[in-house]
Amino acid sequence: MDYSIESSTADNLQTECLIIGVFENRQLPKMATALNQQYNNLIDTLIEQGDISGKNAETLWLNYFPEHPIKRILLVGFGQADKIDRKSFRKALAAAAKALKSSKLKSATAALTDIDVPQSDNTWKIRQIIEVFNDTLYQYDVTKNIEDNKITLQHLKILADNETLSTAEKGLQQGLAIARGMDLTKQLADLPGNICTPSYLAQQAELLAERFENLDVEILEESHMEALGMGALLSVTRGSRQPAKLITLNYRGASPETRPIVLVGKGLTFDAGGISLKPGAGMDEMKYDMCGGATVLGTLQAAAELQLPLNIIGLVPSSENMPDGDANKPGDVLTSMSGKTIEVLNTDAEGRLILCDTLTYAAKFNPEVVIDLATLTGACLVALGRVPSGLLGNDDALCEDLIQASEVACDSLWRLPLWEEYQELLNSNFADIANIGGRDAGTITAACFLSRFTEDYRWAHLDIAGTAWRTGQEKGATGRPLPLLTQYLLNRANA
């Protein structure tokens, strides 16, 4: 899908399809009003027939414009003009993209930057147009023949007036980087586990590093992890025939003295639960247990494309969690890289085992902050559903920065407490810590476990178990929380 900025006016615009907004009570925004006058109030006439009221996410095709350079118009409802916010703006964009997705059009032009969205400039609006359209029009095709149902739309032009061209180009650049990062994230996550193994994920990281001069990669093999004492991480991979990999991507956008932002992404390319075997129903979706790792790769790609003036380290511990005679057993006691011993009460709580050693390893980079993201707990889905990701951390300022970034990116977070009382639920009679804390507060106790390995730096944890993929008929990766992380990095770059 190609995106570009167009500065044409209504009197010389030529397009297969023009997308314009309409408010409730059938009011038209600035661009649509100018076009309506050019067309002798034809749009007003069609709207007055009552087929669209302007409610948010309503759409209406206007298909007949004889002797005009615009072949058809897609009207999109934005609701009441004085009640538009960021989320309702994106909801209307998604409705427009969905209408185009089922059409046979090859190109379209969006005249939507004149919709006023509070606290949001032209750069933000153009970025959102690209993000939302690209997300809606994404198609997985690696292992499926989609020729008969392939989306025909290939090019979207975005109208901007001459006075805002510089901010429009900035929005285009940001939108493309985020959209491409989300594409990479979703493509990796949607691949089946027999293709996207830990070795495959490592190869993709190597290919990514080849594309950018200031992006380096290092892959730690199991022998290296053993030498480092990563007993927790290695215990998870013992039941698999696929060797574990610890991927390190190093983006150098600032001076070497600048302390890096470290992103840690859980990379379980398939999670059967180990000896504590998961139920068969829905187990296919456990290929998505590497969405955190895929998001780290996508975010590093976006940062490199934007050439952000930051140093960023991406760490992706990758393995499988399978049942086997050599796999972890409930009751086993492991020794982590930190020296802390861990009693395994449930082998399906394996994500925190590969993360805890990686979080210990992260300290070697002298990080300014560490942010981990993981499809860690089903409890987060129960608590928050599929709207926000869970946020926990040991630093209020870092958590607030992430929340502010999430609001701008429309990639929601909800902070949960990390109180000392919850730590007691991880007590073990046989080790320094148990890997689960029982049925109560599962998302919180998982973060409490990780917090034991992050005491030397500022840290935040994103539980994306409810937001990293969709289930049911629309099953597929979402690419979240890449928009949030990229916005956080943009904010840091602009600070």
Protein backbone atom coordinates (compact mmCIF):
# COMPACT_ATOMS: atom_id res chain seq x y z
CA MET A 1 0.00 0.00 0.00
CA ASP A 2 1.39 3.39 -1.04
CA TYR A 3 0.60 6.67 0.72
CA SER A 4 1.34 10.22 -0.43
CA ILE A 5 0.44 13.83 0.31
CA GLU A 6 -1.64 15.74 -2.29
CA SER A 7 -2.04 19.52 -2.26
CA SER A 8 -4.71 19.79 -4.98
CA THR A 9 -7.80 21.94 -4.41
CA ALA A 10 -11.40 20.99 -5.15
CA ASP A 11 -11.43 22.67 -8.55
CA ASN A 12 -8.57 20.60 -10.03
CA LEU A 13 -8.81 17.32 -8.11
CA GLN A 14 -8.96 14.07 -10.06
CA THR A 15 -9.46 10.75 -8.28
CA GLU A 16 -11.26 7.42 -8.46
CA CYS A 17 -12.75 8.09 -5.05
CA LEU A 18 -12.76 11.06 -2.69
CA ILE A 19 -13.31 10.41 1.02
CA ILE A 20 -14.92 13.34 2.83
CA GLY A 21 -16.40 13.80 6.26
CA VAL A 22 -19.90 14.75 7.28
CA PHE A 23 -21.08 15.79 10.73
CA GLU A 24 -24.38 15.09 12.41
CA ASN A 25 -27.25 17.25 11.12
CA ARG A 26 -25.59 16.77 7.70
CA GLN A 27 -23.11 19.59 8.14
CA LEU A 28 -19.99 19.53 5.98
CA PRO A 29 -16.40 20.40 7.00
CA LYS A 30 -14.28 22.92 5.09
CA MET A 31 -12.95 20.73 2.25
CA ALA A 32 -16.31 19.09 1.64
CA THR A 33 -18.03 22.50 1.62
CA ALA A 34 -15.66 23.78 -1.09
CA LEU A 35 -16.22 20.65 -3.15
CA ASN A 36 -19.98 20.92 -2.72
CA GLN A 37 -19.90 24.46 -4.10
CA GLN A 38 -17.77 23.29 -7.03
CA TYR A 39 -20.40 20.63 -7.77
CA ASN A 40 -23.35 23.05 -7.58
CA ASN A 41 -24.49 21.75 -4.16
CA LEU A 42 -24.85 18.24 -5.52
CA ILE A 43 -23.47 16.68 -2.30
CA ASP A 44 -25.97 18.65 -0.21
CA THR A 45 -28.76 17.43 -2.45
CA LEU A 46 -27.75 13.80 -2.04
CA ILE A 47 -27.27 14.12 1.72
CA GLU A 48 -30.68 15.71 2.13
CA GLN A 49 -32.26 12.55 0.78
CA GLY A 50 -31.55 11.16 4.27
CA ASP A 51 -29.36 8.15 3.57
CA ILE A 52 -26.72 9.38 6.03
CA SER A 53 -27.18 11.40 9.21
CA GLY A 54 -23.50 11.96 10.01
CA LYS A 55 -23.34 9.70 13.06
CA ASN A 56 -19.87 8.46 13.86
CA ALA A 57 -18.64 5.65 11.55
CA GLU A 58 -21.63 5.83 9.18
CA THR A 59 -20.63 5.59 5.52
CA LEU A 60 -22.41 6.30 2.25
CA TRP A 61 -21.22 5.82 -1.32
CA LEU A 62 -22.11 8.51 -3.89
CA ASN A 63 -21.44 6.76 -7.18
CA TYR A 64 -22.66 8.95 -10.01
CA PHE A 65 -20.87 12.16 -11.02
CA PRO A 66 -21.19 12.53 -14.81
CA GLU A 67 -18.64 14.74 -16.53
CA HIS A 68 -16.67 15.28 -13.32
CA PRO A 69 -13.02 14.25 -12.63
CA ILE A 70 -14.07 12.68 -9.32
CA LYS A 71 -15.64 9.31 -10.11
CA ARG A 72 -17.29 8.68 -6.75
CA ILE A 73 -17.39 9.99 -3.19
CA LEU A 74 -17.34 8.10 0.10
CA LEU A 75 -19.08 10.07 2.84
CA VAL A 76 -17.95 9.22 6.39
CA GLY A 77 -19.81 10.28 9.51
CA PHE A 78 -17.78 11.91 12.31
CA GLY A 79 -20.61 12.58 14.75
CA GLN A 80 -21.16 15.96 16.38
CA ALA A 81 -18.44 18.39 15.31
CA ASP A 82 -17.91 19.71 18.85
CA LYS A 83 -17.64 16.22 20.40
CA ILE A 84 -14.96 14.63 18.21
CA ASP A 85 -12.03 13.16 20.10
CA ARG A 86 -9.05 11.04 19.08
CA LYS A 87 -10.80 7.72 19.43
CA SER A 88 -13.94 8.76 17.56
CA PHE A 89 -11.74 10.16 14.77
CA ARG A 90 -10.00 6.79 14.44
CA LYS A 91 -13.32 4.96 14.58
CA ALA A 92 -14.56 6.96 11.58
CA LEU A 93 -11.30 6.30 9.73
CA ALA A 94 -11.69 2.57 10.34
CA ALA A 95 -15.22 2.66 8.90
CA ALA A 96 -13.96 4.42 5.77
CA ALA A 97 -11.10 1.94 5.37
CA LYS A 98 -13.49 -0.99 5.80
CA ALA A 99 -15.76 0.39 3.06
CA LEU A 100 -12.79 0.75 0.70
CA LYS A 101 -11.51 -2.71 1.60
CA SER A 102 -14.56 -4.35 0.05
CA SER A 103 -14.52 -2.14 -3.05
CA LYS A 104 -12.66 -2.79 -6.30
CA LEU A 105 -10.96 0.61 -6.30
CA LYS A 106 -7.22 0.83 -6.90
CA SER A 107 -6.72 4.33 -5.50
CA ALA A 108 -8.51 6.90 -3.36
CA THR A 109 -7.98 10.37 -1.93
CA ALA A 110 -8.76 11.28 1.69
CA ALA A 111 -9.91 14.85 2.40
CA LEU A 112 -10.09 14.46 6.16
CA THR A 113 -7.37 16.67 7.64
CA ASP A 114 -9.87 19.52 8.06
CA ILE A 115 -11.70 17.57 10.79
CA ASP A 116 -10.85 19.35 14.06
CA VAL A 117 -9.62 16.94 16.74
CA PRO A 118 -8.82 18.55 20.13
CA GLN A 119 -5.12 18.58 21.09
CA SER A 120 -4.20 16.96 17.76
CA ASP A 121 -2.34 18.66 14.94
CA ASN A 122 -2.08 17.90 11.25
CA THR A 123 0.90 15.61 11.81
CA TRP A 124 -1.13 13.47 14.21
CA LYS A 125 -4.18 13.31 11.90
CA ILE A 126 -2.19 12.24 8.85
CA ARG A 127 -0.32 9.67 10.90
CA GLN A 128 -3.61 8.22 12.14
CA ILE A 129 -5.04 8.06 8.61
CA ILE A 130 -2.06 5.95 7.52
CA GLU A 131 -2.03 3.79 10.65
CA VAL A 132 -5.76 3.02 10.60
CA PHE A 133 -6.02 2.42 6.86
CA ASN A 134 -2.92 0.23 6.80
CA ASP A 135 -4.13 -1.79 9.78
CA THR A 136 -7.61 -2.30 8.29
CA LEU A 137 -6.26 -3.24 4.86
CA TYR A 138 -3.61 -5.68 6.17
CA GLN A 139 -3.84 -9.18 4.65
CA TYR A 140 -1.87 -12.25 5.70
CA ASP A 141 -0.71 -14.16 2.62
CA VAL A 142 2.45 -16.12 3.54
CA THR A 143 0.78 -19.53 3.75
CA LYS A 144 -2.55 -18.74 2.09
CA ASN A 145 -3.52 -18.04 -1.52
CA ILE A 146 -5.56 -14.82 -1.42
CA GLU A 147 -5.63 -13.95 -5.13
CA ASP A 148 -9.41 -14.33 -5.40
CA ASN A 149 -9.98 -12.09 -2.36
CA LYS A 150 -7.01 -9.78 -2.64
CA ILE A 151 -7.68 -6.15 -1.74
CA THR A 152 -7.33 -4.04 -4.88
CA LEU A 153 -6.70 -0.67 -3.21
CA GLN A 154 -3.02 0.15 -3.68
CA HIS A 155 -2.67 3.91 -3.26
CA LEU A 156 -4.11 6.45 -0.84
CA LYS A 157 -3.51 10.16 -1.33
CA ILE A 158 -4.07 12.46 1.65
CA LEU A 159 -5.15 16.01 0.92
CA ALA A 160 -3.38 18.83 2.75
CA ASP A 161 -3.38 22.55 1.99
CA ASN A 162 -0.14 24.33 1.09
CA GLU A 163 0.10 26.01 4.49
CA THR A 164 0.38 22.68 6.29
CA LEU A 165 2.58 20.73 3.86
CA SER A 166 5.57 20.58 6.23
CA THR A 167 3.52 19.10 9.07
CA ALA A 168 1.81 16.82 6.55
CA GLU A 169 5.14 15.40 5.41
CA LYS A 170 6.12 14.82 9.03
CA GLY A 171 2.87 12.94 9.62
CA LEU A 172 3.47 10.91 6.46
CA GLN A 173 6.96 9.93 7.64
CA GLN A 174 5.75 8.91 11.10
CA GLY A 175 2.69 7.13 9.78
CA LEU A 176 4.70 5.09 7.27
CA ALA A 177 7.28 4.05 9.88
CA ILE A 178 4.61 2.97 12.35
CA ALA A 179 2.52 1.21 9.68
CA ARG A 180 5.53 -0.72 8.38
CA GLY A 181 6.57 -1.61 11.92
CA MET A 182 3.08 -2.92 12.62
CA ASP A 183 3.15 -4.89 9.36
CA LEU A 184 6.38 -6.60 10.45
CA THR A 185 4.98 -7.27 13.92
CA LYS A 186 1.74 -8.76 12.57
CA GLN A 187 3.41 -10.83 9.87
CA LEU A 188 5.78 -12.44 12.38
CA ALA A 189 3.00 -13.03 14.90
CA ASP A 190 0.56 -14.49 12.36
CA LEU A 191 3.09 -17.04 11.07
CA PRO A 192 2.49 -20.59 12.34
CA GLY A 193 4.81 -21.99 14.97
CA ASN A 194 6.36 -24.52 12.60
CA ILE A 195 7.70 -21.62 10.50
CA CYS A 196 8.32 -18.87 13.05
CA THR A 197 10.66 -20.74 15.39
CA PRO A 198 13.23 -19.08 17.67
CA SER A 199 15.82 -19.55 14.91
CA TYR A 200 13.50 -17.90 12.36
CA LEU A 201 12.90 -14.96 14.67
CA ALA A 202 16.67 -14.58 15.09
CA GLN A 203 17.12 -14.64 11.29
CA GLN A 204 14.54 -11.86 10.90
CA ALA A 205 16.46 -9.77 13.43
CA GLU A 206 19.63 -10.31 11.42
CA LEU A 207 17.88 -9.26 8.20
CA LEU A 208 16.60 -6.15 9.97
CA ALA A 209 20.12 -5.22 11.09
CA GLU A 210 21.40 -5.58 7.51
CA ARG A 211 18.98 -2.88 6.35
CA PHE A 212 20.14 -0.12 8.71
CA GLU A 213 23.70 1.08 9.17
CA ASN A 214 23.22 2.07 12.81
CA LEU A 215 21.45 -1.15 13.86
CA ASP A 216 23.54 -4.10 15.10
CA VAL A 217 22.46 -7.58 16.11
CA GLU A 218 23.88 -10.25 18.40
CA ILE A 219 22.35 -13.71 18.91
CA LEU A 220 23.19 -15.58 22.11
CA GLU A 221 23.03 -19.36 21.73
CA GLU A 222 22.18 -21.78 24.52
CA SER A 223 25.88 -22.34 25.28
CA HIS A 224 26.29 -18.59 25.86
CA MET A 225 23.22 -18.51 28.11
CA GLU A 226 24.55 -21.45 30.09
CA ALA A 227 27.87 -19.66 30.60
CA LEU A 228 25.94 -16.63 31.88
CA GLY A 229 23.97 -18.79 34.33
CA MET A 230 20.55 -18.28 32.74
CA GLY A 231 19.03 -21.30 34.42
CA ALA A 232 15.46 -19.96 34.35
CA LEU A 233 15.42 -19.22 30.61
CA LEU A 234 17.14 -22.48 29.67
CA SER A 235 14.76 -24.55 31.81
CA VAL A 236 11.84 -23.50 29.58
CA THR A 237 13.48 -24.64 26.34
CA ARG A 238 14.49 -28.09 27.62
CA GLY A 239 11.21 -29.61 26.47
CA SER A 240 11.62 -28.33 22.90
CA ARG A 241 13.62 -29.57 19.94
CA GLN A 242 14.06 -25.94 18.87
CA PRO A 243 17.13 -24.25 20.40
CA ALA A 244 16.49 -21.07 22.36
CA LYS A 245 17.87 -17.74 21.15
CA LEU A 246 18.46 -14.48 22.99
CA ILE A 247 18.27 -11.72 20.38
CA THR A 248 19.94 -8.36 21.02
CA LEU A 249 19.27 -5.47 18.62
CA ASN A 250 21.33 -2.34 19.26
CA TYR A 251 20.11 0.88 17.64
CA ARG A 252 22.70 3.68 17.87
CA GLY A 253 20.98 7.00 17.20
CA ALA A 254 22.72 9.10 19.88
CA SER A 255 26.22 9.52 21.29
CA PRO A 256 27.77 6.42 22.92
CA GLU A 257 27.59 8.15 26.31
CA THR A 258 23.78 8.39 26.13
CA ARG A 259 22.20 5.69 28.27
CA PRO A 260 19.88 3.46 26.24
CA ILE A 261 16.19 2.73 26.47
CA VAL A 262 15.90 -1.07 26.71
CA LEU A 263 12.85 -2.86 25.30
CA VAL A 264 12.40 -6.51 26.31
CA GLY A 265 9.88 -8.62 24.39
CA LYS A 266 8.73 -12.11 25.31
CA GLY A 267 9.39 -14.36 22.31
CA LEU A 268 7.66 -17.69 23.01
CA THR A 269 7.08 -18.85 19.44
CA PHE A 270 4.73 -21.54 20.73
CA ASP A 271 3.46 -22.22 24.23
CA ALA A 272 1.82 -25.58 24.88
CA GLY A 273 2.12 -25.01 28.62
CA GLY A 274 4.80 -27.66 29.14
CA ILE A 275 3.92 -30.43 31.62
CA SER A 276 1.11 -28.16 32.88
CA LEU A 277 -0.48 -28.66 29.46
CA LYS A 278 -2.94 -26.07 28.19
CA PRO A 279 -6.47 -27.12 27.10
CA GLY A 280 -6.66 -28.08 23.44
CA ALA A 281 -9.35 -25.53 22.53
CA GLY A 282 -7.69 -22.36 21.33
CA MET A 283 -4.17 -23.70 21.74
CA ASP A 284 -3.42 -22.73 18.14
CA GLU A 285 -3.45 -19.11 19.30
CA MET A 286 -0.40 -19.78 21.44
CA LYS A 287 1.70 -18.98 18.37
CA TYR A 288 0.91 -15.42 19.48
CA ASP A 289 2.93 -15.83 22.67
CA MET A 290 5.79 -14.14 20.82
CA CYS A 291 3.91 -10.91 20.12
CA GLY A 292 6.04 -9.01 22.62
CA GLY A 293 9.20 -10.06 20.79
CA ALA A 294 7.67 -9.31 17.40
CA THR A 295 6.70 -5.85 18.63
CA VAL A 296 10.25 -5.15 19.76
CA LEU A 297 11.52 -5.97 16.25
CA GLY A 298 8.83 -3.79 14.68
CA THR A 299 9.55 -0.90 17.06
CA LEU A 300 13.29 -1.01 16.37
CA GLN A 301 12.51 -0.94 12.64
CA ALA A 302 10.26 2.12 13.11
CA ALA A 303 12.92 3.89 15.20
CA ALA A 304 15.58 3.18 12.58
CA GLU A 305 13.35 4.43 9.74
CA LEU A 306 12.65 7.64 11.67
CA GLN A 307 16.34 7.96 12.60
CA LEU A 308 15.40 8.86 16.16
CA PRO A 309 18.24 10.51 18.14
CA LEU A 310 18.16 7.85 20.84
CA ASN A 311 20.05 4.74 21.81
CA ILE A 312 17.69 1.76 22.02
CA ILE A 313 18.41 -1.85 22.93
CA GLY A 314 15.91 -4.54 21.95
CA LEU A 315 16.12 -7.86 23.82
CA VAL A 316 14.03 -10.84 22.71
CA PRO A 317 14.35 -14.12 24.62
CA SER A 318 12.88 -16.73 22.29
CA SER A 319 12.04 -20.38 22.85
CA GLU A 320 9.19 -22.88 22.83
CA ASN A 321 7.42 -24.34 25.88
CA MET A 322 6.62 -27.97 25.13
CA PRO A 323 5.94 -31.18 27.16
CA ASP A 324 8.85 -33.61 27.11
CA GLY A 325 10.71 -36.00 29.36
CA ASP A 326 13.33 -33.31 29.98
CA ALA A 327 10.86 -30.46 30.45
CA ASN A 328 10.33 -28.52 33.68
CA LYS A 329 8.16 -30.33 36.23
CA PRO A 330 5.96 -28.73 38.89
CA GLY A 331 8.06 -28.63 42.03
CA ASP A 332 11.40 -28.19 40.25
CA VAL A 333 13.73 -25.53 41.67
CA LEU A 334 15.78 -23.42 39.24
CA THR A 335 18.66 -21.01 39.73
CA SER A 336 18.28 -17.79 37.75
CA MET A 337 21.07 -15.60 36.37
CA SER A 338 20.60 -13.27 39.35
CA GLY A 339 21.32 -16.15 41.74
CA LYS A 340 17.77 -16.21 43.06
CA THR A 341 16.19 -19.67 43.17
CA ILE A 342 12.70 -20.23 41.74
CA GLU A 343 10.21 -22.98 42.58
CA VAL A 344 8.19 -23.93 39.49
CA LEU A 345 4.64 -24.48 40.68
CA ASN A 346 3.17 -24.29 37.17
CA THR A 347 5.19 -24.84 34.00
CA ASP A 348 2.68 -22.74 32.03
CA ALA A 349 3.97 -19.67 33.88
CA GLU A 350 7.07 -19.85 31.69
CA GLY A 351 7.10 -16.34 30.22
CA ARG A 352 8.29 -14.84 33.48
CA LEU A 353 11.10 -17.43 33.58
CA ILE A 354 12.56 -16.38 30.24
CA LEU A 355 11.96 -12.71 31.05
CA CYS A 356 13.58 -12.72 34.49
CA ASP A 357 16.97 -13.79 33.17
CA THR A 358 16.69 -11.31 30.31
CA LEU A 359 15.82 -8.51 32.73
CA THR A 360 18.92 -9.41 34.76
CA TYR A 361 20.94 -9.38 31.53
CA ALA A 362 19.51 -5.94 30.64
CA ALA A 363 21.41 -4.35 33.54
CA LYS A 364 24.71 -4.78 31.64
CA PHE A 365 23.62 -2.02 29.23
CA ASN A 366 23.38 0.58 32.04
CA PRO A 367 19.84 1.45 30.89
CA GLU A 368 18.05 4.70 31.54
CA VAL A 369 14.77 2.76 31.57
CA VAL A 370 13.68 -0.81 30.82
CA ILE A 371 10.24 -1.60 29.40
CA ASP A 372 9.18 -5.22 28.96
CA LEU A 373 6.14 -6.31 26.99
CA ALA A 374 4.67 -9.76 27.15
CA THR A 375 1.53 -11.79 26.53
CA LEU A 376 2.01 -12.83 30.13
CA THR A 377 -1.27 -13.59 31.90
CA GLY A 378 -4.79 -14.65 31.01
CA ALA A 379 -5.73 -12.81 34.19
CA CYS A 380 -5.05 -9.50 32.40
CA LEU A 381 -7.65 -10.42 29.78
CA VAL A 382 -10.14 -11.23 32.54
CA ALA A 383 -9.44 -7.96 34.37
CA LEU A 384 -9.22 -5.51 31.46
CA GLY A 385 -10.63 -7.25 28.39
CA ARG A 386 -9.15 -6.40 24.99
CA VAL A 387 -9.23 -2.61 25.25
CA PRO A 388 -6.20 -1.52 27.33
CA SER A 389 -2.92 -3.30 27.97
CA GLY A 390 -1.96 -3.69 31.62
CA LEU A 391 0.77 -1.44 33.01
CA LEU A 392 2.81 -2.00 36.16
CA GLY A 393 6.18 -0.63 37.18
CA ASN A 394 8.55 0.57 39.87
CA ASP A 395 8.80 4.18 38.67
CA ASP A 396 5.86 6.60 38.65
CA ALA A 397 7.43 9.03 36.17
CA LEU A 398 8.10 6.28 33.63
CA CYS A 399 4.58 4.89 33.99
CA GLU A 400 3.10 8.37 33.56
CA ASP A 401 5.19 8.93 30.42
CA LEU A 402 3.84 5.68 28.99
CA ILE A 403 0.25 6.59 29.85
CA GLN A 404 0.62 9.99 28.15
CA ALA A 405 2.08 8.30 25.06
CA SER A 406 -0.77 5.79 25.04
CA GLU A 407 -3.35 8.58 25.03
CA VAL A 408 -1.77 10.29 22.02
CA ALA A 409 -1.32 6.97 20.18
CA CYS A 410 -4.84 5.72 21.07
CA ASP A 411 -3.12 2.54 22.25
CA SER A 412 -4.63 2.36 25.73
CA LEU A 413 -2.97 1.43 29.02
CA TRP A 414 -4.40 0.91 32.48
CA ARG A 415 -2.07 0.93 35.48
CA LEU A 416 -2.42 -1.73 38.15
CA PRO A 417 -0.85 -1.58 41.63
CA LEU A 418 2.44 -3.22 42.50
CA TRP A 419 2.03 -3.16 46.27
CA GLU A 420 4.22 -4.99 48.73
CA GLU A 421 1.28 -7.02 50.04
CA TYR A 422 1.10 -8.89 46.74
CA GLN A 423 4.73 -9.98 46.99
CA GLU A 424 3.84 -12.27 49.88
CA LEU A 425 1.78 -14.43 47.53
CA LEU A 426 5.03 -15.55 45.86
CA ASN A 427 6.54 -17.02 49.03
CA SER A 428 7.94 -20.54 48.67
CA ASN A 429 8.95 -23.10 51.27
CA PHE A 430 11.69 -24.44 49.01
CA ALA A 431 13.09 -21.51 47.02
CA ASP A 432 13.60 -17.77 47.17
CA ILE A 433 10.45 -17.23 45.12
CA ALA A 434 7.62 -19.22 43.53
CA ASN A 435 6.79 -18.68 39.88
CA ILE A 436 3.06 -18.19 40.53
CA GLY A 437 1.06 -16.66 43.34
CA GLY A 438 -2.23 -18.54 43.12
CA ARG A 439 -5.56 -17.55 41.56
CA ASP A 440 -5.80 -14.07 43.06
CA ALA A 441 -4.38 -11.04 41.21
CA GLY A 442 -2.56 -13.11 38.61
CA THR A 443 -1.44 -10.15 36.49
CA ILE A 444 -0.11 -8.31 39.53
CA THR A 445 1.75 -11.28 41.03
CA ALA A 446 3.35 -11.97 37.63
CA ALA A 447 4.67 -8.40 37.62
CA CYS A 448 5.71 -8.80 41.27
CA PHE A 449 7.79 -11.78 40.17
CA LEU A 450 9.50 -9.72 37.45
CA SER A 451 10.05 -6.81 39.83
CA ARG A 452 12.42 -8.99 41.90
CA PHE A 453 14.83 -8.85 38.93
CA THR A 454 14.52 -5.11 38.13
CA GLU A 455 15.61 -3.49 41.37
CA ASP A 456 18.66 -1.78 39.84
CA TYR A 457 16.88 0.40 37.27
CA ARG A 458 13.64 2.17 36.33
CA TRP A 459 11.28 -0.43 34.91
CA ALA A 460 7.77 -0.79 33.48
CA HIS A 461 5.92 -3.93 32.43
CA LEU A 462 3.21 -4.09 29.76
CA ASP A 463 0.93 -7.13 29.87
CA ILE A 464 -0.46 -7.40 26.33
CA ALA A 465 -2.26 -10.74 26.66
CA GLY A 466 -5.60 -9.11 25.83
CA THR A 467 -4.45 -6.67 23.17
CA ALA A 468 -1.75 -8.32 21.02
CA TRP A 469 -4.17 -10.34 18.88
CA ARG A 470 -7.83 -10.68 17.98
CA THR A 471 -9.65 -13.96 18.30
CA GLY A 472 -12.73 -15.45 16.64
CA GLN A 473 -13.65 -14.70 13.03
CA GLU A 474 -11.25 -11.73 12.93
CA LYS A 475 -8.37 -13.78 14.37
CA GLY A 476 -5.01 -12.15 13.79
CA ALA A 477 -2.30 -10.02 15.35
CA THR A 478 -3.09 -6.35 16.12
CA GLY A 479 0.44 -4.93 16.09
CA ARG A 480 -0.12 -3.40 19.53
CA PRO A 481 1.54 -1.90 21.49
CA LEU A 482 3.88 -0.67 18.73
CA PRO A 483 2.04 2.68 18.28
CA LEU A 484 2.34 3.35 22.02
CA LEU A 485 6.05 2.48 22.16
CA THR A 486 6.85 4.53 19.06
CA GLN A 487 4.98 7.52 20.48
CA TYR A 488 6.93 7.13 23.73
CA LEU A 489 10.19 7.12 21.75
CA LEU A 490 9.06 10.15 19.70
CA ASN A 491 8.28 11.99 22.93
CA ARG A 492 11.70 11.12 24.30
CA ALA A 493 13.37 12.22 21.07
CA ASN A 494 11.54 15.56 21.21
CA ALA A 495 12.13 16.15 24.92
